[in-house]
Amino acid sequence: MPLARRLSLADAVVIGLGSMIGAGVFSVWGPAIGVAGNGILIALGVAAVVAYCNATASAQLAASYPVAGGTYAYARAEIGPWWGFLAGWSFVIGKIASCAAMALTFAAYAAPAGWQVPVAVVAVAALVAVNCFGVTRTALLTRILVVCSLLGLAVVVAIGVGSLPGSDPAPLSDPTAYGVLQGAGLLFFAFAGYARIATLGEEVVDPVRTIPRAIVLALGGAVVVYAAVGITVTLTLGADAAATGAPLAEVVAAGGWSALGPVVRIAAAAASLGALLALLTGIGRTTLAMARESDLPRVLARIDDRWHVPRRAEIAVGVVVIGIVLLGDLRETIGFSSFGVLLYYLIANAAAFRQTGPARRYPRALQVIGALGCLLLVNSLPIVASLIGTAVVLAGVAYRLIRLRVSRR
């Protein structure tokens, strides 16, 4: 049974914005400033350039293959089943880690000390339930959460800019090339939400026109928001941003507007929930696509007859995310997420590079830059995140080898 096409251009842009704005704007500045120092804005620029190149590759592929699964489906068609599997597996493991990071970020802003993990678990369970009742409900709730988060970010930027004349930020460390690249790798985690639009290709109205436009619009909006927030955090807090799990609330407090702290925390919680909701939706669709090809257990390929959603896949993803929330650390989770997502886009660029004729919408040079950027950033991530990511990717390869051998017998 196919999924139903119910998402408009506005719905797709909102889902992409919800993924990117909540996916890092409230959580990634601390770890990124900690490694990039004074080079944080350079790191942001590097991440944005790599993200743009990857976005054009995804847009070009999505116009040719408007189906669920994103680069998993594109790479299978353009390069081969093994490359498709590596892309899909990297996406699933990377974005499941993103879900855990967003749940922990939500809890850091919304829950009192000592209650963060239980609140994060409840948030994941509640949003999985929302996703099980149809993609239009997902889009509506995401729209509400994005508006709340943008209003909160506007308040933070206004307060931060107003307090700059009297602010005394902690000095940032001098940048190094490695620190800037590592910061860019962590910040890339925040930009990767545009992939959610491509993974919903089977549910978008007029996908050949809608998906490429939605990807570029969502990424452009996110870059503007990130630049404004990044400059505000850097000039207001400086190095102190690296020591807090809620830097935007600290910006408001530093500006003498502590009374508005709860408002900012509500906006941050809303943004994190919006990102978590969109992430869960995208992972569920990629899991569905992989299960259809038996690259994941076939039991996950069933689509609910009434609500037209991959309910079993959504529930399975939610269970794994909750497990990571119970065990994970925010910085390690962000690094691991970036590892999986960068591999995913490396394969996306390779698949787009192979396209010819009417399918080609962008110069091949963009795919070369995107692929090289992915390789550079993935090799600049924290060593622990890279080792764990490599081990999990190899575990997926071993699973597929065993599954193929069993099916041949």
Protein backbone atom coordinates (compact mmCIF):
# COMPACT_ATOMS: atom_id res chain seq x y z
CA MET A 1 0.00 0.00 0.00
CA PRO A 2 1.47 3.43 -0.96
CA LEU A 3 1.50 6.42 1.36
CA ALA A 4 -1.00 9.23 0.72
CA ARG A 5 0.10 12.54 -0.91
CA ARG A 6 -1.19 15.17 1.51
CA LEU A 7 1.69 17.62 2.14
CA SER A 8 1.79 21.00 0.35
CA LEU A 9 4.85 23.19 -0.31
CA ALA A 10 4.18 25.10 2.90
CA ASP A 11 3.87 21.87 4.89
CA ALA A 12 7.18 20.58 3.48
CA VAL A 13 9.02 23.84 4.22
CA VAL A 14 7.66 23.90 7.78
CA ILE A 15 8.73 20.30 8.40
CA GLY A 16 12.22 21.11 7.12
CA LEU A 17 12.43 24.27 9.22
CA GLY A 18 11.12 22.39 12.25
CA SER A 19 13.90 19.85 11.85
CA MET A 20 16.69 22.40 11.41
CA ILE A 21 15.66 25.14 13.80
CA GLY A 22 15.03 22.79 16.68
CA ALA A 23 17.78 20.37 15.69
CA GLY A 24 20.59 22.49 17.06
CA VAL A 25 19.86 26.16 17.62
CA PHE A 26 19.14 25.50 21.31
CA SER A 27 21.77 22.83 21.96
CA VAL A 28 24.72 22.87 19.59
CA TRP A 29 26.34 26.21 20.47
CA GLY A 30 27.97 25.00 23.67
CA PRO A 31 29.87 22.05 22.15
CA ALA A 32 30.68 23.99 18.95
CA ILE A 33 32.02 27.10 20.73
CA GLY A 34 34.00 24.85 23.05
CA VAL A 35 36.07 23.48 20.13
CA ALA A 36 35.97 26.35 17.59
CA GLY A 37 36.52 29.31 19.94
CA ASN A 38 36.80 32.58 18.03
CA GLY A 39 36.33 30.67 14.80
CA ILE A 40 32.71 29.74 15.57
CA LEU A 41 31.26 31.91 12.79
CA ILE A 42 33.78 30.51 10.30
CA ALA A 43 32.69 27.04 11.39
CA LEU A 44 29.06 28.06 10.85
CA GLY A 45 29.91 29.27 7.33
CA VAL A 46 31.71 26.03 6.47
CA ALA A 47 28.77 23.97 7.74
CA ALA A 48 26.32 26.12 5.75
CA VAL A 49 28.30 25.74 2.48
CA VAL A 50 28.53 21.96 2.86
CA ALA A 51 24.84 21.84 3.76
CA TYR A 52 23.91 23.87 0.64
CA CYS A 53 25.87 21.55 -1.66
CA ASN A 54 24.22 18.54 -0.04
CA ALA A 55 20.79 20.17 -0.24
CA THR A 56 21.09 20.70 -4.00
CA ALA A 57 22.13 17.05 -4.41
CA SER A 58 19.09 15.93 -2.39
CA ALA A 59 16.80 18.25 -4.34
CA GLN A 60 18.04 16.95 -7.69
CA LEU A 61 17.62 13.32 -6.63
CA ALA A 62 14.23 13.89 -5.02
CA ALA A 63 12.87 15.38 -8.24
CA SER A 64 13.79 12.17 -10.08
CA TYR A 65 12.72 9.71 -7.35
CA PRO A 66 9.74 11.13 -5.42
CA VAL A 67 9.38 8.12 -3.12
CA ALA A 68 9.78 7.43 0.60
CA GLY A 69 13.28 6.72 1.86
CA GLY A 70 15.40 9.64 0.65
CA THR A 71 18.98 8.77 -0.33
CA TYR A 72 18.37 5.11 0.52
CA ALA A 73 16.07 4.93 -2.51
CA TYR A 74 18.19 7.30 -4.64
CA ALA A 75 21.47 5.44 -4.11
CA ARG A 76 19.83 2.07 -4.80
CA ALA A 77 18.63 3.40 -8.14
CA GLU A 78 21.78 5.30 -9.16
CA ILE A 79 24.68 3.32 -7.66
CA GLY A 80 23.42 -0.02 -6.36
CA PRO A 81 21.76 -1.82 -3.43
CA TRP A 82 24.83 -1.85 -1.18
CA TRP A 83 25.32 1.89 -1.45
CA GLY A 84 21.62 2.38 -0.82
CA PHE A 85 21.86 0.25 2.30
CA LEU A 86 24.86 2.19 3.61
CA ALA A 87 23.02 5.48 3.05
CA GLY A 88 19.82 4.27 4.69
CA TRP A 89 21.61 2.65 7.62
CA SER A 90 23.75 5.77 8.19
CA PHE A 91 20.64 7.93 8.09
CA VAL A 92 18.71 5.77 10.53
CA ILE A 93 21.49 5.49 13.10
CA GLY A 94 22.50 9.15 12.77
CA LYS A 95 18.98 10.50 13.02
CA ILE A 96 18.02 8.20 15.87
CA ALA A 97 20.93 9.79 17.74
CA SER A 98 19.55 13.21 16.72
CA CYS A 99 16.20 12.24 18.21
CA ALA A 100 17.88 11.40 21.50
CA ALA A 101 19.76 14.72 21.42
CA MET A 102 16.53 16.64 20.80
CA ALA A 103 14.69 14.82 23.56
CA LEU A 104 17.52 15.60 26.00
CA THR A 105 17.59 19.24 24.84
CA PHE A 106 13.83 19.53 25.40
CA ALA A 107 14.23 18.13 28.89
CA ALA A 108 17.17 20.46 29.66
CA TYR A 109 14.90 23.45 29.06
CA ALA A 110 11.57 22.07 30.27
CA ALA A 111 12.33 19.81 33.25
CA PRO A 112 13.75 20.52 36.72
CA ALA A 113 17.10 19.07 37.72
CA GLY A 114 16.95 15.32 38.19
CA TRP A 115 13.89 14.89 35.97
CA GLN A 116 15.43 15.44 32.54
CA VAL A 117 15.69 11.80 31.50
CA PRO A 118 12.14 10.76 32.51
CA VAL A 119 10.70 13.86 30.80
CA ALA A 120 12.71 13.13 27.63
CA VAL A 121 11.36 9.57 27.57
CA VAL A 122 7.76 10.79 27.93
CA ALA A 123 8.29 13.34 25.11
CA VAL A 124 9.50 10.65 22.71
CA ALA A 125 6.59 8.36 23.54
CA ALA A 126 4.04 11.17 23.10
CA LEU A 127 5.35 12.28 19.70
CA VAL A 128 5.52 8.71 18.42
CA ALA A 129 1.82 8.50 19.32
CA VAL A 130 1.12 11.70 17.31
CA ASN A 131 2.95 10.29 14.29
CA CYS A 132 0.85 7.15 14.43
CA PHE A 133 -2.31 9.16 13.66
CA GLY A 134 -1.44 10.59 10.25
CA VAL A 135 1.08 12.87 8.55
CA THR A 136 -1.31 15.85 8.40
CA ARG A 137 -1.44 15.90 12.20
CA THR A 138 2.35 15.78 12.24
CA ALA A 139 2.51 18.80 9.87
CA LEU A 140 -0.04 20.79 11.90
CA LEU A 141 1.73 20.24 15.21
CA THR A 142 5.09 21.04 13.59
CA ARG A 143 3.69 24.32 12.25
CA ILE A 144 2.55 25.35 15.74
CA LEU A 145 5.87 24.41 17.31
CA VAL A 146 7.92 26.25 14.65
CA VAL A 147 5.95 29.49 15.19
CA CYS A 148 6.48 29.25 18.97
CA SER A 149 10.21 28.63 18.57
CA LEU A 150 10.71 31.50 16.08
CA LEU A 151 8.96 33.92 18.43
CA GLY A 152 11.19 32.78 21.27
CA LEU A 153 14.33 33.14 19.14
CA ALA A 154 13.27 36.67 18.19
CA VAL A 155 13.01 37.52 21.89
CA VAL A 156 16.47 36.08 22.59
CA VAL A 157 18.11 37.97 19.72
CA ALA A 158 16.39 41.25 20.67
CA ILE A 159 17.48 40.95 24.31
CA GLY A 160 20.99 39.89 23.36
CA VAL A 161 21.46 42.78 20.92
CA GLY A 162 20.04 45.24 23.44
CA SER A 163 22.46 44.10 26.14
CA LEU A 164 25.61 44.18 23.96
CA PRO A 165 26.80 47.69 25.06
CA GLY A 166 27.06 46.53 28.68
CA SER A 167 27.98 42.87 28.16
CA ASP A 168 31.31 41.38 29.20
CA PRO A 169 31.58 38.00 27.45
CA ALA A 170 34.20 35.49 28.58
CA PRO A 171 37.17 35.52 26.17
CA LEU A 172 37.07 32.85 23.49
CA SER A 173 40.09 30.71 22.69
CA ASP A 174 42.06 31.38 19.53
CA PRO A 175 40.79 29.22 16.65
CA THR A 176 42.74 26.35 15.14
CA ALA A 177 42.03 24.75 11.78
CA TYR A 178 41.12 21.47 13.45
CA GLY A 179 38.90 23.20 16.03
CA VAL A 180 37.03 25.13 13.32
CA LEU A 181 36.46 21.97 11.28
CA GLN A 182 35.32 20.05 14.36
CA GLY A 183 32.93 22.90 15.18
CA ALA A 184 31.64 22.82 11.60
CA GLY A 185 31.07 19.08 11.91
CA LEU A 186 29.04 19.60 15.07
CA LEU A 187 27.09 22.51 13.55
CA PHE A 188 26.31 20.41 10.48
CA PHE A 189 24.16 18.34 12.85
CA ALA A 190 21.91 21.37 13.08
CA PHE A 191 21.50 21.94 9.33
CA ALA A 192 20.66 18.40 8.30
CA GLY A 193 16.89 18.70 8.69
CA TYR A 194 16.25 19.38 4.99
CA ALA A 195 16.67 15.65 4.41
CA ARG A 196 13.36 15.17 6.16
CA ILE A 197 11.62 16.74 3.17
CA ALA A 198 13.18 14.26 0.77
CA THR A 199 12.32 11.26 2.94
CA LEU A 200 8.65 12.32 2.75
CA GLY A 201 8.71 12.22 -1.05
CA GLU A 202 5.87 9.73 -1.23
CA GLU A 203 3.54 12.06 0.76
CA VAL A 204 4.20 15.41 -0.97
CA VAL A 205 1.80 16.86 -3.56
CA ASP A 206 3.48 17.43 -6.98
CA PRO A 207 6.84 16.18 -5.62
CA VAL A 208 8.92 16.96 -8.74
CA ARG A 209 8.30 20.69 -8.23
CA THR A 210 7.58 20.86 -4.53
CA ILE A 211 10.52 18.96 -2.99
CA PRO A 212 13.42 20.90 -4.61
CA ARG A 213 11.77 24.24 -3.82
CA ALA A 214 10.99 23.24 -0.24
CA ILE A 215 14.55 22.05 0.44
CA VAL A 216 16.17 25.29 -0.74
CA LEU A 217 13.62 27.52 1.02
CA ALA A 218 13.91 25.66 4.32
CA LEU A 219 17.72 25.69 4.27
CA GLY A 220 17.87 29.39 3.40
CA GLY A 221 15.55 30.28 6.28
CA ALA A 222 17.55 28.16 8.71
CA VAL A 223 20.87 29.77 7.73
CA VAL A 224 19.47 33.24 8.49
CA VAL A 225 18.13 32.14 11.88
CA TYR A 226 21.35 30.36 12.83
CA ALA A 227 23.56 33.30 11.89
CA ALA A 228 21.48 35.71 14.00
CA VAL A 229 21.40 33.41 17.03
CA GLY A 230 25.07 32.39 16.74
CA ILE A 231 26.28 35.99 16.66
CA THR A 232 24.07 36.87 19.63
CA VAL A 233 25.27 33.95 21.76
CA THR A 234 28.92 34.56 20.92
CA LEU A 235 28.88 38.30 21.63
CA THR A 236 26.81 37.94 24.81
CA LEU A 237 28.27 34.86 26.55
CA GLY A 238 31.56 34.15 24.84
CA ALA A 239 33.32 31.07 26.20
CA ASP A 240 30.70 30.70 28.97
CA ALA A 241 28.32 29.28 26.34
CA ALA A 242 30.37 26.08 26.33
CA ALA A 243 29.60 25.43 30.00
CA THR A 244 25.79 25.46 29.86
CA GLY A 245 23.18 23.15 28.40
CA ALA A 246 20.74 26.06 27.92
CA PRO A 247 22.78 28.92 26.38
CA LEU A 248 19.83 30.93 25.08
CA ALA A 249 18.28 31.12 28.54
CA GLU A 250 21.66 32.37 29.76
CA VAL A 251 21.61 35.10 27.09
CA VAL A 252 18.30 36.36 28.46
CA ALA A 253 19.60 36.27 32.04
CA ALA A 254 22.78 38.11 31.03
CA GLY A 255 20.65 40.84 29.46
CA GLY A 256 18.88 41.47 32.77
CA TRP A 257 15.58 39.95 31.63
CA SER A 258 15.50 36.93 33.93
CA ALA A 259 11.71 37.23 34.17
CA LEU A 260 11.51 36.20 30.51
CA GLY A 261 13.57 33.09 31.13
CA PRO A 262 10.47 30.85 31.31
CA VAL A 263 9.24 32.24 27.96
CA VAL A 264 12.53 31.37 26.29
CA ARG A 265 12.56 27.94 27.89
CA ILE A 266 9.05 27.30 26.54
CA ALA A 267 10.17 28.37 23.05
CA ALA A 268 13.26 26.18 23.29
CA ALA A 269 11.16 23.25 24.39
CA ALA A 270 8.76 23.85 21.50
CA ALA A 271 11.62 23.98 18.98
CA SER A 272 13.14 20.79 20.32
CA LEU A 273 9.78 19.04 20.16
CA GLY A 274 9.26 20.26 16.58
CA ALA A 275 12.64 18.86 15.56
CA LEU A 276 12.00 15.61 17.39
CA LEU A 277 8.61 15.21 15.72
CA ALA A 278 10.01 15.79 12.22
CA LEU A 279 12.98 13.53 12.90
CA LEU A 280 10.80 10.66 14.05
CA THR A 281 8.66 11.09 10.94
CA GLY A 282 11.63 10.97 8.55
CA ILE A 283 13.29 7.99 10.23
CA GLY A 284 10.02 6.08 10.14
CA ARG A 285 9.76 6.58 6.38
CA THR A 286 13.35 5.51 5.72
CA THR A 287 12.82 2.47 7.94
CA LEU A 288 9.70 1.68 5.91
CA ALA A 289 11.63 1.92 2.63
CA MET A 290 14.43 -0.32 3.91
CA ALA A 291 11.96 -2.87 5.26
CA ARG A 292 10.21 -3.01 1.88
CA GLU A 293 13.52 -4.19 0.39
CA SER A 294 14.23 -6.54 3.35
CA ASP A 295 17.23 -4.45 4.41
CA LEU A 296 15.41 -4.19 7.73
CA PRO A 297 12.91 -6.74 9.07
CA ARG A 298 9.89 -6.99 6.74
CA VAL A 299 7.51 -6.67 9.68
CA LEU A 300 8.34 -2.93 9.71
CA ALA A 301 7.05 -2.44 6.14
CA ARG A 302 3.36 -2.56 7.05
CA ILE A 303 1.31 0.64 6.53
CA ASP A 304 -1.69 1.23 8.77
CA ASP A 305 -4.94 0.81 6.79
CA ARG A 306 -6.74 3.70 8.49
CA TRP A 307 -4.08 6.37 9.08
CA HIS A 308 -1.76 5.52 6.16
CA VAL A 309 1.42 5.69 8.26
CA PRO A 310 4.16 3.08 8.91
CA ARG A 311 3.03 2.59 12.51
CA ARG A 312 5.25 -0.38 13.31
CA ALA A 313 8.33 1.42 12.02
CA GLU A 314 7.48 4.52 14.05
CA ILE A 315 7.04 2.50 17.25
CA ALA A 316 10.28 0.58 16.70
CA VAL A 317 12.22 3.81 16.16
CA GLY A 318 10.68 5.31 19.30
CA VAL A 319 11.75 2.33 21.40
CA VAL A 320 15.37 2.61 20.21
CA VAL A 321 15.43 6.39 20.81
CA ILE A 322 14.19 5.90 24.36
CA GLY A 323 16.99 3.39 24.93
CA ILE A 324 19.61 5.94 23.79
CA VAL A 325 18.04 8.66 25.97
CA LEU A 326 18.43 6.40 28.99
CA LEU A 327 22.11 5.77 28.21
CA GLY A 328 23.42 8.74 26.19
CA ASP A 329 25.30 12.01 26.73
CA LEU A 330 24.32 15.14 24.73
CA ARG A 331 27.72 15.97 23.23
CA GLU A 332 28.55 12.37 22.32
CA THR A 333 25.07 11.98 20.86
CA ILE A 334 25.52 15.07 18.64
CA GLY A 335 28.92 13.84 17.41
CA PHE A 336 27.58 10.36 16.65
CA SER A 337 24.60 11.89 14.83
CA SER A 338 26.89 14.03 12.66
CA PHE A 339 28.96 10.96 11.78
CA GLY A 340 25.97 9.05 10.40
CA VAL A 341 24.45 12.05 8.61
CA LEU A 342 27.73 13.05 6.93
CA LEU A 343 28.12 9.54 5.51
CA TYR A 344 24.52 9.70 4.30
CA TYR A 345 25.17 12.93 2.39
CA LEU A 346 28.48 11.69 1.03
CA ILE A 347 26.53 8.93 -0.72
CA ALA A 348 23.82 11.41 -1.77
CA ASN A 349 26.44 13.53 -3.54
CA ALA A 350 27.86 10.45 -5.26
CA ALA A 351 24.40 9.43 -6.46
CA ALA A 352 23.58 12.93 -7.75
CA PHE A 353 26.97 13.14 -9.50
CA ARG A 354 25.98 10.15 -11.65
CA GLN A 355 22.77 11.74 -12.93
CA THR A 356 22.73 12.99 -16.53
CA GLY A 357 20.37 14.56 -19.05
CA PRO A 358 17.08 16.07 -17.91
CA ALA A 359 17.63 14.82 -14.34
CA ARG A 360 20.61 17.18 -13.85
CA ARG A 361 19.55 20.47 -12.23
CA TYR A 362 22.80 21.67 -10.63
CA PRO A 363 26.50 21.70 -11.67
CA ARG A 364 28.54 18.62 -10.78
CA ALA A 365 31.01 20.91 -9.02
CA LEU A 366 28.50 21.33 -6.18
CA GLN A 367 28.39 17.57 -5.64
CA VAL A 368 32.20 17.38 -5.63
CA ILE A 369 32.40 20.17 -3.05
CA GLY A 370 29.65 18.54 -1.00
CA ALA A 371 31.36 15.13 -1.02
CA LEU A 372 34.77 16.57 -0.11
CA GLY A 373 33.17 18.65 2.63
CA CYS A 374 31.49 15.58 4.10
CA LEU A 375 34.79 13.66 4.09
CA LEU A 376 36.63 16.56 5.71
CA LEU A 377 34.04 17.11 8.45
CA VAL A 378 33.52 13.44 9.28
CA ASN A 379 37.27 13.09 9.86
CA SER A 380 37.24 16.12 12.17
CA LEU A 381 34.59 14.82 14.60
CA PRO A 382 35.47 13.76 18.18
CA ILE A 383 37.33 10.45 18.06
CA VAL A 384 34.87 8.64 20.36
CA ALA A 385 31.92 9.56 18.15
CA SER A 386 33.80 8.41 15.04
CA LEU A 387 34.79 5.08 16.59
CA ILE A 388 31.26 4.35 17.79
CA GLY A 389 29.83 5.39 14.42
CA THR A 390 32.25 3.15 12.52
CA ALA A 391 31.40 0.20 14.77
CA VAL A 392 27.65 0.67 14.27
CA VAL A 393 28.02 1.02 10.47
CA LEU A 394 30.07 -2.18 10.36
CA ALA A 395 27.43 -3.92 12.46
CA GLY A 396 24.84 -2.95 9.84
CA VAL A 397 27.04 -4.29 7.04
CA ALA A 398 27.44 -7.57 8.93
CA TYR A 399 23.66 -7.81 9.39
CA ARG A 400 23.04 -7.38 5.66
CA LEU A 401 25.72 -9.91 4.73
CA ILE A 402 24.16 -12.49 7.05
CA ARG A 403 20.67 -11.70 5.75
CA LEU A 404 21.75 -12.10 2.12
CA ARG A 405 23.52 -15.38 2.85
CA VAL A 406 20.47 -16.76 4.67
CA SER A 407 18.11 -15.69 1.86
CA ARG A 408 20.30 -17.41 -0.77
CA ARG A 409 20.18 -20.65 1.19
